[in-house]
Amino acid sequence: WAIYGVVALSLAFFCYNKGLPLSIRSIFYP
């Protein structure tokens, strides 16, 4: 669940808080 949580939280943060597309690539914008 920690493995899932890292991916889920990263996606949710960059999508909902930073307005980036809901896609794995968005996590690596920084």
PDB file of all heavy atoms in Angstrom:
ATOM      1  N   TRP A   1       0.818  -1.208   0.000  1.00  0.00           N
ATOM      2  CA  TRP A   1       0.000   0.000   0.000  1.00  0.00           C
ATOM      3  C   TRP A   1       0.857   1.265   0.000  1.00  0.00           C
ATOM      4  O   TRP A   1       0.434   2.309  -0.507  1.00  0.00           O
ATOM      5  CB  TRP A   1      -0.972  -0.025   1.180  1.00  0.00           C
ATOM      6  CG  TRP A   1      -2.096  -0.977   0.921  1.00  0.00           C
ATOM      7  CD1 TRP A   1      -2.241  -2.226   1.438  1.00  0.00           C
ATOM      8  CD2 TRP A   1      -3.201  -0.784   0.028  1.00  0.00           C
ATOM      9  NE1 TRP A   1      -3.380  -2.824   0.928  1.00  0.00           N
ATOM     10  CE2 TRP A   1      -3.981  -1.958   0.061  1.00  0.00           C
ATOM     11  CE3 TRP A   1      -3.598   0.273  -0.795  1.00  0.00           C
ATOM     12  CZ2 TRP A   1      -5.141  -2.109  -0.696  1.00  0.00           C
ATOM     13  CZ3 TRP A   1      -4.760   0.123  -1.553  1.00  0.00           C
ATOM     14  CH2 TRP A   1      -5.517  -1.046  -1.501  1.00  0.00           C
ATOM     15  N   ALA A   2       2.069   1.182   0.539  1.00  0.00           N
ATOM     16  CA  ALA A   2       2.987   2.324   0.442  1.00  0.00           C
ATOM     17  C   ALA A   2       3.436   2.523  -1.003  1.00  0.00           C
ATOM     18  O   ALA A   2       3.568   3.662  -1.471  1.00  0.00           O
ATOM     19  CB  ALA A   2       4.195   2.103   1.350  1.00  0.00           C
ATOM     20  N   ILE A   3       3.674   1.422  -1.707  1.00  0.00           N
ATOM     21  CA  ILE A   3       4.039   1.514  -3.129  1.00  0.00           C
ATOM     22  C   ILE A   3       2.918   2.198  -3.906  1.00  0.00           C
ATOM     23  O   ILE A   3       3.148   3.121  -4.682  1.00  0.00           O
ATOM     24  CB  ILE A   3       4.325   0.110  -3.688  1.00  0.00           C
ATOM     25  CG1 ILE A   3       5.609  -0.459  -3.078  1.00  0.00           C
ATOM     26  CG2 ILE A   3       4.436   0.140  -5.214  1.00  0.00           C
ATOM     27  CD1 ILE A   3       5.830  -1.936  -3.353  1.00  0.00           C
ATOM     28  N   TYR A   4       1.692   1.749  -3.679  1.00  0.00           N
ATOM     29  CA  TYR A   4       0.549   2.381  -4.342  1.00  0.00           C
ATOM     30  C   TYR A   4       0.393   3.835  -3.912  1.00  0.00           C
ATOM     31  O   TYR A   4       0.074   4.727  -4.710  1.00  0.00           O
ATOM     32  CB  TYR A   4      -0.748   1.633  -4.000  1.00  0.00           C
ATOM     33  CG  TYR A   4      -0.832   0.224  -4.506  1.00  0.00           C
ATOM     34  CD1 TYR A   4      -1.706  -0.692  -3.910  1.00  0.00           C
ATOM     35  CD2 TYR A   4      -0.054  -0.227  -5.575  1.00  0.00           C
ATOM     36  CE1 TYR A   4      -1.801  -1.997  -4.368  1.00  0.00           C
ATOM     37  CE2 TYR A   4      -0.146  -1.532  -6.032  1.00  0.00           C
ATOM     38  CZ  TYR A   4      -1.019  -2.408  -5.423  1.00  0.00           C
ATOM     39  OH  TYR A   4      -1.124  -3.694  -5.870  1.00  0.00           O
ATOM     40  N   GLY A   5       0.611   4.082  -2.613  1.00  0.00           N
ATOM     41  CA  GLY A   5       0.404   5.418  -2.064  1.00  0.00           C
ATOM     42  C   GLY A   5       1.345   6.446  -2.659  1.00  0.00           C
ATOM     43  O   GLY A   5       0.948   7.601  -2.900  1.00  0.00           O
ATOM     44  N   VAL A   6       2.605   6.080  -2.896  1.00  0.00           N
ATOM     45  CA  VAL A   6       3.570   7.008  -3.488  1.00  0.00           C
ATOM     46  C   VAL A   6       3.096   7.458  -4.868  1.00  0.00           C
ATOM     47  O   VAL A   6       3.091   8.652  -5.192  1.00  0.00           O
ATOM     48  CB  VAL A   6       4.966   6.356  -3.579  1.00  0.00           C
ATOM     49  CG1 VAL A   6       5.892   7.161  -4.489  1.00  0.00           C
ATOM     50  CG2 VAL A   6       5.588   6.228  -2.195  1.00  0.00           C
ATOM     51  N   VAL A   7       2.681   6.503  -5.695  1.00  0.00           N
ATOM     52  CA  VAL A   7       2.216   6.842  -7.045  1.00  0.00           C
ATOM     53  C   VAL A   7       0.927   7.654  -6.982  1.00  0.00           C
ATOM     54  O   VAL A   7       0.787   8.683  -7.659  1.00  0.00           O
ATOM     55  CB  VAL A   7       1.998   5.561  -7.875  1.00  0.00           C
ATOM     56  CG1 VAL A   7       1.522   5.916  -9.286  1.00  0.00           C
ATOM     57  CG2 VAL A   7       3.277   4.742  -7.957  1.00  0.00           C
ATOM     58  N   ALA A   8      -0.016   7.205  -6.156  1.00  0.00           N
ATOM     59  CA  ALA A   8      -1.319   7.868  -6.081  1.00  0.00           C
ATOM     60  C   ALA A   8      -1.193   9.298  -5.570  1.00  0.00           C
ATOM     61  O   ALA A   8      -1.786  10.232  -6.132  1.00  0.00           O
ATOM     62  CB  ALA A   8      -2.256   7.067  -5.175  1.00  0.00           C
ATOM     63  N   LEU A   9      -0.425   9.487  -4.500  1.00  0.00           N
ATOM     64  CA  LEU A   9      -0.283  10.820  -3.927  1.00  0.00           C
ATOM     65  C   LEU A   9       0.441  11.758  -4.888  1.00  0.00           C
ATOM     66  O   LEU A   9       0.051  12.927  -5.034  1.00  0.00           O
ATOM     67  CB  LEU A   9       0.479  10.743  -2.605  1.00  0.00           C
ATOM     68  CG  LEU A   9       0.696  12.061  -1.869  1.00  0.00           C
ATOM     69  CD1 LEU A   9      -0.648  12.712  -1.524  1.00  0.00           C
ATOM     70  CD2 LEU A   9       1.518  11.847  -0.598  1.00  0.00           C
ATOM     71  N   SER A  10       1.457  11.255  -5.557  1.00  0.00           N
ATOM     72  CA  SER A  10       2.202  12.081  -6.508  1.00  0.00           C
ATOM     73  C   SER A  10       1.301  12.539  -7.650  1.00  0.00           C
ATOM     74  O   SER A  10       1.289  13.723  -8.022  1.00  0.00           O
ATOM     75  CB  SER A  10       3.396  11.303  -7.064  1.00  0.00           C
ATOM     76  OG  SER A  10       4.270  10.895  -6.037  1.00  0.00           O
ATOM     77  N   LEU A  11       0.537  11.617  -8.202  1.00  0.00           N
ATOM     78  CA  LEU A  11      -0.375  11.965  -9.292  1.00  0.00           C
ATOM     79  C   LEU A  11      -1.440  12.958  -8.837  1.00  0.00           C
ATOM     80  O   LEU A  11      -1.712  13.949  -9.516  1.00  0.00           O
ATOM     81  CB  LEU A  11      -1.047  10.701  -9.830  1.00  0.00           C
ATOM     82  CG  LEU A  11      -0.213   9.826 -10.761  1.00  0.00           C
ATOM     83  CD1 LEU A  11      -0.840   8.442 -10.898  1.00  0.00           C
ATOM     84  CD2 LEU A  11      -0.087  10.484 -12.129  1.00  0.00           C
ATOM     85  N   ALA A  12      -2.043  12.674  -7.686  1.00  0.00           N
ATOM     86  CA  ALA A  12      -3.107  13.547  -7.189  1.00  0.00           C
ATOM     87  C   ALA A  12      -2.586  14.947  -6.911  1.00  0.00           C
ATOM     88  O   ALA A  12      -3.246  15.948  -7.242  1.00  0.00           O
ATOM     89  CB  ALA A  12      -3.718  12.943  -5.918  1.00  0.00           C
ATOM     90  N   PHE A  13      -1.400  15.049  -6.309  1.00  0.00           N
ATOM     91  CA  PHE A  13      -0.852  16.360  -5.978  1.00  0.00           C
ATOM     92  C   PHE A  13      -0.580  17.196  -7.228  1.00  0.00           C
ATOM     93  O   PHE A  13      -1.000  18.355  -7.321  1.00  0.00           O
ATOM     94  CB  PHE A  13       0.440  16.209  -5.169  1.00  0.00           C
ATOM     95  CG  PHE A  13       1.122  17.507  -4.881  1.00  0.00           C
ATOM     96  CD1 PHE A  13       0.671  18.344  -3.868  1.00  0.00           C
ATOM     97  CD2 PHE A  13       2.206  17.927  -5.642  1.00  0.00           C
ATOM     98  CE1 PHE A  13       1.279  19.564  -3.610  1.00  0.00           C
ATOM     99  CE2 PHE A  13       2.830  19.139  -5.398  1.00  0.00           C
ATOM    100  CZ  PHE A  13       2.354  19.959  -4.374  1.00  0.00           C
ATOM    101  N   PHE A  14       0.116  16.612  -8.194  1.00  0.00           N
ATOM    102  CA  PHE A  14       0.477  17.402  -9.380  1.00  0.00           C
ATOM    103  C   PHE A  14      -0.719  17.672 -10.285  1.00  0.00           C
ATOM    104  O   PHE A  14      -0.731  18.674 -11.004  1.00  0.00           O
ATOM    105  CB  PHE A  14       1.604  16.711 -10.154  1.00  0.00           C
ATOM    106  CG  PHE A  14       2.946  16.858  -9.498  1.00  0.00           C
ATOM    107  CD1 PHE A  14       3.513  15.816  -8.807  1.00  0.00           C
ATOM    108  CD2 PHE A  14       3.623  18.075  -9.544  1.00  0.00           C
ATOM    109  CE1 PHE A  14       4.740  15.960  -8.167  1.00  0.00           C
ATOM    110  CE2 PHE A  14       4.846  18.233  -8.912  1.00  0.00           C
ATOM    111  CZ  PHE A  14       5.409  17.174  -8.217  1.00  0.00           C
ATOM    112  N   CYS A  15      -1.735  16.820 -10.241  1.00  0.00           N
ATOM    113  CA  CYS A  15      -2.937  17.071 -11.029  1.00  0.00           C
ATOM    114  C   CYS A  15      -3.838  18.108 -10.360  1.00  0.00           C
ATOM    115  O   CYS A  15      -4.186  19.122 -10.960  1.00  0.00           O
ATOM    116  CB  CYS A  15      -3.697  15.763 -11.236  1.00  0.00           C
ATOM    117  SG  CYS A  15      -5.269  15.949 -12.119  1.00  0.00           S
ATOM    118  N   TYR A  16      -4.189  17.874  -9.090  1.00  0.00           N
ATOM    119  CA  TYR A  16      -5.186  18.712  -8.430  1.00  0.00           C
ATOM    120  C   TYR A  16      -4.610  19.990  -7.835  1.00  0.00           C
ATOM    121  O   TYR A  16      -5.316  20.992  -7.735  1.00  0.00           O
ATOM    122  CB  TYR A  16      -5.894  17.904  -7.338  1.00  0.00           C
ATOM    123  CG  TYR A  16      -6.577  16.665  -7.838  1.00  0.00           C
ATOM    124  CD1 TYR A  16      -6.419  15.438  -7.201  1.00  0.00           C
ATOM    125  CD2 TYR A  16      -7.386  16.711  -8.972  1.00  0.00           C
ATOM    126  CE1 TYR A  16      -7.047  14.300  -7.670  1.00  0.00           C
ATOM    127  CE2 TYR A  16      -8.016  15.577  -9.451  1.00  0.00           C
ATOM    128  CZ  TYR A  16      -7.839  14.370  -8.796  1.00  0.00           C
ATOM    129  OH  TYR A  16      -8.461  13.247  -9.270  1.00  0.00           O
ATOM    130  N   ASN A  17      -3.343  19.969  -7.441  1.00  0.00           N
ATOM    131  CA  ASN A  17      -2.764  21.166  -6.827  1.00  0.00           C
ATOM    132  C   ASN A  17      -1.952  22.007  -7.796  1.00  0.00           C
ATOM    133  O   ASN A  17      -1.823  23.214  -7.605  1.00  0.00           O
ATOM    134  CB  ASN A  17      -1.876  20.787  -5.634  1.00  0.00           C
ATOM    135  CG  ASN A  17      -2.666  20.222  -4.474  1.00  0.00           C
ATOM    136  OD1 ASN A  17      -3.193  19.130  -4.570  1.00  0.00           O
ATOM    137  ND2 ASN A  17      -2.772  20.971  -3.383  1.00  0.00           N
ATOM    138  N   LYS A  18      -1.403  21.369  -8.831  1.00  0.00           N
ATOM    139  CA  LYS A  18      -0.578  22.102  -9.781  1.00  0.00           C
ATOM    140  C   LYS A  18      -1.175  22.177 -11.171  1.00  0.00           C
ATOM    141  O   LYS A  18      -0.591  22.782 -12.070  1.00  0.00           O
ATOM    142  CB  LYS A  18       0.825  21.468  -9.860  1.00  0.00           C
ATOM    143  CG  LYS A  18       1.565  21.455  -8.524  1.00  0.00           C
ATOM    144  CD  LYS A  18       1.713  22.844  -7.940  1.00  0.00           C
ATOM    145  CE  LYS A  18       2.432  22.840  -6.607  1.00  0.00           C
ATOM    146  NZ  LYS A  18       2.478  24.178  -5.988  1.00  0.00           N
ATOM    147  N   GLY A  19      -2.331  21.571 -11.362  1.00  0.00           N
ATOM    148  CA  GLY A  19      -3.036  21.709 -12.629  1.00  0.00           C
ATOM    149  C   GLY A  19      -2.423  20.976 -13.799  1.00  0.00           C
ATOM    150  O   GLY A  19      -2.721  21.306 -14.953  1.00  0.00           O
ATOM    151  N   LEU A  20      -1.574  19.992 -13.555  1.00  0.00           N
ATOM    152  CA  LEU A  20      -0.939  19.250 -14.637  1.00  0.00           C
ATOM    153  C   LEU A  20      -1.823  18.063 -15.050  1.00  0.00           C
ATOM    154  O   LEU A  20      -2.696  17.644 -14.302  1.00  0.00           O
ATOM    155  CB  LEU A  20       0.440  18.766 -14.191  1.00  0.00           C
ATOM    156  CG  LEU A  20       1.437  19.875 -13.810  1.00  0.00           C
ATOM    157  CD1 LEU A  20       2.744  19.268 -13.301  1.00  0.00           C
ATOM    158  CD2 LEU A  20       1.717  20.785 -14.996  1.00  0.00           C
ATOM    159  N   PRO A  21      -1.587  17.505 -16.240  1.00  0.00           N
ATOM    160  CA  PRO A  21      -2.415  16.379 -16.701  1.00  0.00           C
ATOM    161  C   PRO A  21      -2.312  15.182 -15.756  1.00  0.00           C
ATOM    162  O   PRO A  21      -1.270  14.955 -15.143  1.00  0.00           O
ATOM    163  CB  PRO A  21      -1.818  16.036 -18.079  1.00  0.00           C
ATOM    164  CG  PRO A  21      -1.094  17.264 -18.512  1.00  0.00           C
ATOM    165  CD  PRO A  21      -0.594  17.919 -17.269  1.00  0.00           C
ATOM    166  N   LEU A  22      -3.384  14.404 -15.663  1.00  0.00           N
ATOM    167  CA  LEU A  22      -3.380  13.208 -14.837  1.00  0.00           C
ATOM    168  C   LEU A  22      -2.669  12.098 -15.609  1.00  0.00           C
ATOM    169  O   LEU A  22      -3.284  11.212 -16.199  1.00  0.00           O
ATOM    170  CB  LEU A  22      -4.798  12.780 -14.478  1.00  0.00           C
ATOM    171  CG  LEU A  22      -4.908  11.604 -13.500  1.00  0.00           C
ATOM    172  CD1 LEU A  22      -4.299  11.958 -12.150  1.00  0.00           C
ATOM    173  CD2 LEU A  22      -6.361  11.174 -13.331  1.00  0.00           C
ATOM    174  N   SER A  23      -1.335  12.176 -15.585  1.00  0.00           N
ATOM    175  CA  SER A  23      -0.512  11.222 -16.295  1.00  0.00           C
ATOM    176  C   SER A  23       0.802  11.077 -15.550  1.00  0.00           C
ATOM    177  O   SER A  23       1.243  12.021 -14.878  1.00  0.00           O
ATOM    178  CB  SER A  23      -0.269  11.705 -17.729  1.00  0.00           C
ATOM    179  OG  SER A  23       0.272  10.684 -18.528  1.00  0.00           O
ATOM    180  N   ILE A  24       1.439   9.922 -15.651  1.00  0.00           N
ATOM    181  CA  ILE A  24       2.644   9.643 -14.870  1.00  0.00           C
ATOM    182  C   ILE A  24       3.724  10.698 -15.131  1.00  0.00           C
ATOM    183  O   ILE A  24       4.444  11.114 -14.224  1.00  0.00           O
ATOM    184  CB  ILE A  24       3.195   8.238 -15.202  1.00  0.00           C
ATOM    185  CG1 ILE A  24       2.125   7.166 -14.955  1.00  0.00           C
ATOM    186  CG2 ILE A  24       4.434   7.946 -14.375  1.00  0.00           C
ATOM    187  CD1 ILE A  24       1.757   6.963 -13.520  1.00  0.00           C
ATOM    188  N   ARG A  25       3.836  11.157 -16.365  1.00  0.00           N
ATOM    189  CA  ARG A  25       4.886  12.115 -16.715  1.00  0.00           C
ATOM    190  C   ARG A  25       4.791  13.415 -15.912  1.00  0.00           C
ATOM    191  O   ARG A  25       5.810  14.048 -15.642  1.00  0.00           O
ATOM    192  CB  ARG A  25       4.804  12.446 -18.203  1.00  0.00           C
ATOM    193  CG  ARG A  25       3.567  13.255 -18.591  1.00  0.00           C
ATOM    194  CD  ARG A  25       3.545  13.625 -20.060  1.00  0.00           C
ATOM    195  NE  ARG A  25       3.394  12.466 -20.916  1.00  0.00           N
ATOM    196  CZ  ARG A  25       3.951  12.370 -22.133  1.00  0.00           C
ATOM    197  NH1 ARG A  25       4.698  13.353 -22.582  1.00  0.00           N
ATOM    198  NH2 ARG A  25       3.753  11.324 -22.873  1.00  0.00           N
ATOM    199  N   SER A  26       3.582  13.803 -15.523  1.00  0.00           N
ATOM    200  CA  SER A  26       3.399  15.072 -14.821  1.00  0.00           C
ATOM    201  C   SER A  26       4.153  15.114 -13.500  1.00  0.00           C
ATOM    202  O   SER A  26       4.573  16.181 -13.042  1.00  0.00           O
ATOM    203  CB  SER A  26       1.908  15.320 -14.567  1.00  0.00           C
ATOM    204  OG  SER A  26       1.195  15.441 -15.774  1.00  0.00           O
ATOM    205  N   ILE A  27       4.332  13.932 -12.888  1.00  0.00           N
ATOM    206  CA  ILE A  27       5.009  13.870 -11.589  1.00  0.00           C
ATOM    207  C   ILE A  27       6.439  14.388 -11.682  1.00  0.00           C
ATOM    208  O   ILE A  27       6.987  14.926 -10.714  1.00  0.00           O
ATOM    209  CB  ILE A  27       5.013  12.420 -11.065  1.00  0.00           C
ATOM    210  CG1 ILE A  27       3.562  11.932 -10.871  1.00  0.00           C
ATOM    211  CG2 ILE A  27       5.796  12.283  -9.773  1.00  0.00           C
ATOM    212  CD1 ILE A  27       3.465  10.436 -10.581  1.00  0.00           C
ATOM    213  N   PHE A  28       7.040  14.274 -12.859  1.00  0.00           N
ATOM    214  CA  PHE A  28       8.458  14.592 -13.005  1.00  0.00           C
ATOM    215  C   PHE A  28       8.718  15.993 -13.534  1.00  0.00           C
ATOM    216  O   PHE A  28       9.840  16.327 -13.907  1.00  0.00           O
ATOM    217  CB  PHE A  28       9.122  13.542 -13.906  1.00  0.00           C
ATOM    218  CG  PHE A  28       9.019  12.159 -13.337  1.00  0.00           C
ATOM    219  CD1 PHE A  28       8.027  11.286 -13.758  1.00  0.00           C
ATOM    220  CD2 PHE A  28       9.874  11.747 -12.327  1.00  0.00           C
ATOM    221  CE1 PHE A  28       7.901  10.031 -13.204  1.00  0.00           C
ATOM    222  CE2 PHE A  28       9.759  10.492 -11.759  1.00  0.00           C
ATOM    223  CZ  PHE A  28       8.777   9.630 -12.203  1.00  0.00           C
ATOM    224  N   TYR A  29       7.667  16.828 -13.537  1.00  0.00           N
ATOM    225  CA  TYR A  29       7.864  18.200 -14.006  1.00  0.00           C
ATOM    226  C   TYR A  29       8.906  18.972 -13.190  1.00  0.00           C
ATOM    227  O   TYR A  29       9.713  19.700 -13.752  1.00  0.00           O
ATOM    228  CB  TYR A  29       6.528  18.948 -14.024  1.00  0.00           C
ATOM    229  CG  TYR A  29       6.654  20.313 -14.659  1.00  0.00           C
ATOM    230  CD1 TYR A  29       6.916  20.442 -16.021  1.00  0.00           C
ATOM    231  CD2 TYR A  29       6.545  21.472 -13.895  1.00  0.00           C
ATOM    232  CE1 TYR A  29       7.050  21.688 -16.604  1.00  0.00           C
ATOM    233  CE2 TYR A  29       6.683  22.719 -14.473  1.00  0.00           C
ATOM    234  CZ  TYR A  29       6.931  22.828 -15.832  1.00  0.00           C
ATOM    235  OH  TYR A  29       7.075  24.058 -16.408  1.00  0.00           O
ATOM    236  N   PRO A  30       8.940  18.829 -11.854  1.00  0.00           N
ATOM    237  CA  PRO A  30       9.986  19.527 -11.097  1.00  0.00           C
ATOM    238  C   PRO A  30      11.398  19.109 -11.503  1.00  0.00           C
ATOM    239  O   PRO A  30      12.336  19.910 -11.400  1.00  0.00           O
ATOM    240  CB  PRO A  30       9.698  19.132  -9.640  1.00  0.00           C
ATOM    241  CG  PRO A  30       8.249  18.817  -9.619  1.00  0.00           C
ATOM    242  CD  PRO A  30       7.976  18.178 -10.946  1.00  0.00           C
TER     243      PRO A  30
END
